[in-house]
Protein backbone atom coordinates (compact mmCIF):
# COMPACT_ATOMS: atom_id res chain seq x y z
CA MET A 1 0.78 15.53 11.59
CA PRO A 2 2.61 13.12 13.93
CA LYS A 3 6.42 13.43 14.11
CA ALA A 4 8.27 12.21 11.28
CA GLY A 5 10.65 9.58 11.97
CA PRO A 6 12.78 7.91 9.28
CA CYS A 7 10.11 5.08 8.51
CA LEU A 8 7.39 7.61 7.91
CA LEU A 9 9.59 9.89 5.74
CA LYS A 10 10.17 6.92 3.62
CA MET A 11 6.43 6.16 3.45
CA ARG A 12 5.83 9.86 2.67
CA GLU A 13 8.51 9.65 -0.34
CA PHE A 14 7.31 6.44 -1.94
CA CYS A 15 3.58 7.42 -1.59
CA LEU A 16 3.33 11.09 -2.36
CA SER A 17 5.78 10.47 -5.50
CA LEU A 18 2.65 8.79 -7.09
CA PRO A 19 -0.23 10.92 -9.09
CA ASP A 20 -2.95 12.30 -7.34
CA THR A 21 -1.97 11.26 -3.93
CA LYS A 22 -2.05 13.26 -0.41
CA GLU A 23 -1.80 12.48 3.06
CA THR A 24 -4.35 12.68 5.56
CA LEU A 25 -4.53 12.25 9.14
CA THR A 26 -7.18 9.10 9.49
CA TRP A 27 -8.23 7.47 12.74
CA GLY A 28 -5.34 9.46 14.17
CA LYS A 29 -2.68 7.94 12.04
CA PRO A 30 -1.22 8.78 8.52
CA HIS A 31 -2.96 7.47 5.57
CA PHE A 32 -2.16 7.99 1.96
CA ARG A 33 -4.84 8.40 -0.71
CA VAL A 34 -5.26 8.61 -4.32
CA GLY A 35 -8.33 10.68 -4.63
CA ASP A 36 -10.28 9.97 -1.76
CA LYS A 37 -9.32 5.87 -1.30
CA ILE A 38 -6.63 4.91 0.99
CA PHE A 39 -3.91 2.80 -0.66
CA ALA A 40 -1.49 3.02 2.43
CA GLY A 41 -1.28 3.85 5.98
CA PHE A 42 1.19 4.16 8.74
CA ASP A 43 1.35 3.45 12.26
CA ASP A 44 4.16 3.91 14.98
CA GLN A 45 3.11 1.21 17.35
CA ALA A 46 4.97 0.68 20.60
CA GLU A 47 6.13 -2.29 18.84
CA GLY A 48 7.83 -0.40 16.35
CA PRO A 49 6.72 1.26 12.89
CA GLN A 50 4.32 -0.35 10.70
CA ALA A 51 2.83 -0.01 7.14
CA GLY A 52 -0.38 -1.21 5.82
CA PHE A 53 -1.03 -1.95 2.06
CA LYS A 54 -3.54 -3.40 0.06
CA LEU A 55 -2.17 -6.55 -1.91
CA GLU A 56 -3.60 -9.09 -4.46
CA LYS A 57 -5.34 -11.58 -2.57
CA ALA A 58 -3.03 -14.45 -3.51
CA HIS A 59 -0.06 -12.48 -2.76
CA ALA A 60 -1.26 -11.33 0.56
CA ARG A 61 -1.81 -14.63 1.55
CA SER A 62 1.47 -15.85 0.55
CA ILE A 63 3.58 -12.92 2.09
CA LEU A 64 1.91 -13.86 5.50
CA ALA A 65 4.54 -16.66 5.75
CA ASP A 66 6.94 -13.96 6.42
CA ALA A 67 7.20 -13.03 10.17
CA ARG A 68 7.10 -9.38 9.06
CA PHE A 69 3.68 -9.50 7.75
CA ALA A 70 0.53 -9.80 9.47
CA ARG A 71 -3.35 -9.76 8.18
CA ALA A 72 -4.74 -6.27 8.83
CA PRO A 73 -7.53 -6.07 11.14
CA TYR A 74 -10.88 -5.26 9.76
CA ALA A 75 -9.86 -5.31 6.08
CA GLY A 76 -7.40 -8.45 5.63
CA GLN A 77 -10.17 -10.42 4.04
CA HIS A 78 -9.92 -7.95 1.15
CA GLY A 79 -5.98 -8.43 0.77
CA TRP A 80 -4.62 -5.80 3.30
CA VAL A 81 -1.63 -6.46 5.14
CA THR A 82 0.76 -4.83 7.85
CA MET A 83 4.30 -4.82 7.66
CA ASP A 84 6.95 -4.25 10.40
CA LEU A 85 9.15 -1.95 9.26
CA LEU A 86 11.56 -1.90 12.02
CA GLY A 87 15.02 -2.82 10.84
CA VAL A 88 14.02 -3.02 7.12
CA ALA A 89 16.86 -3.98 5.05
CA ASP A 90 15.53 -3.31 1.65
CA TRP A 91 13.29 -0.19 1.36
CA GLU A 92 12.81 -1.20 -2.55
CA GLU A 93 10.65 -4.09 -1.13
CA VAL A 94 8.44 -1.61 0.60
CA ARG A 95 8.28 0.73 -2.60
CA ALA A 96 6.95 -2.42 -4.72
CA LEU A 97 4.36 -3.11 -2.14
CA VAL A 98 3.12 0.58 -2.18
CA LEU A 99 3.11 0.51 -5.80
CA GLU A 100 1.23 -2.80 -5.80
CA SER A 101 -1.33 -1.09 -3.43
CA TYR A 102 -1.69 1.96 -5.36
CA ARG A 103 -2.17 0.01 -8.71
CA LEU A 104 -5.08 -1.69 -7.01
CA ILE A 105 -6.82 1.43 -5.64
CA ALA A 106 -6.11 4.19 -8.13
CA PRO A 107 -8.39 5.12 -11.05
CA LYS A 108 -7.34 4.71 -14.39
CA LYS A 109 -6.71 8.07 -15.22
CA ALA A 110 -3.93 8.43 -12.20
CA LEU A 111 -2.61 4.73 -13.13
CA ALA A 112 -1.92 6.14 -16.67
CA GLN A 113 0.51 8.65 -15.50
CA VAL A 114 2.60 6.22 -13.45
CA GLY A 115 4.03 4.51 -16.64
CA PRO A 116 4.31 0.92 -18.38
CA PHE A 117 4.84 -0.88 -15.16
CA ALA A 118 1.39 -0.30 -13.71
CA LYS A 119 -0.20 -0.60 -17.10
CA ALA A 120 1.42 -4.14 -17.44
CA THR A 121 0.66 -5.37 -14.04
CA LYS A 122 -2.64 -4.03 -13.97
CA SER A 123 -3.80 -6.43 -16.87
CA ARG A 124 -2.85 -9.39 -14.79
CA ARG A 125 -5.84 -9.21 -12.80
CA PRO A 126 -8.25 -11.66 -13.59
CA PRO A 127 -11.74 -10.22 -14.90
CA ARG A 128 -14.42 -10.24 -12.38
CA LYS A 129 -17.00 -13.04 -12.81
CA GLY A 130 -20.08 -11.81 -14.77
CA LYS A 131 -18.54 -8.73 -16.09
CA ARG A 132 -17.31 -8.18 -19.30
CA ARG A 133 -13.82 -6.07 -20.47
């Protein structure tokens, strides 16, 4: 694993505190998985540290108005964004983004262990077209 600077340590703290998570080295960078699925990533670019998350598509579109965020390469059309972590003023904002991403990726069994917040926000997702709930 790469040398752990303060931003990677925070990402590890947030991501690995969630049920059934692990850190893997994927594409040469630390990624955080729930089961076998990636829900967050970290990259220490020359420009500074960045984190990647999957967000609700509407949230991802709106958050791009903030200069700290960019559409993630390759997966941006699916709601993935990157965030510049250099000089983060509020790490609770990052924690909330990690949780949103986890909530979108995690299986129901893992989500049940997170608590009422994850369950309440999970139900806000609109039903998929053509599928019954």
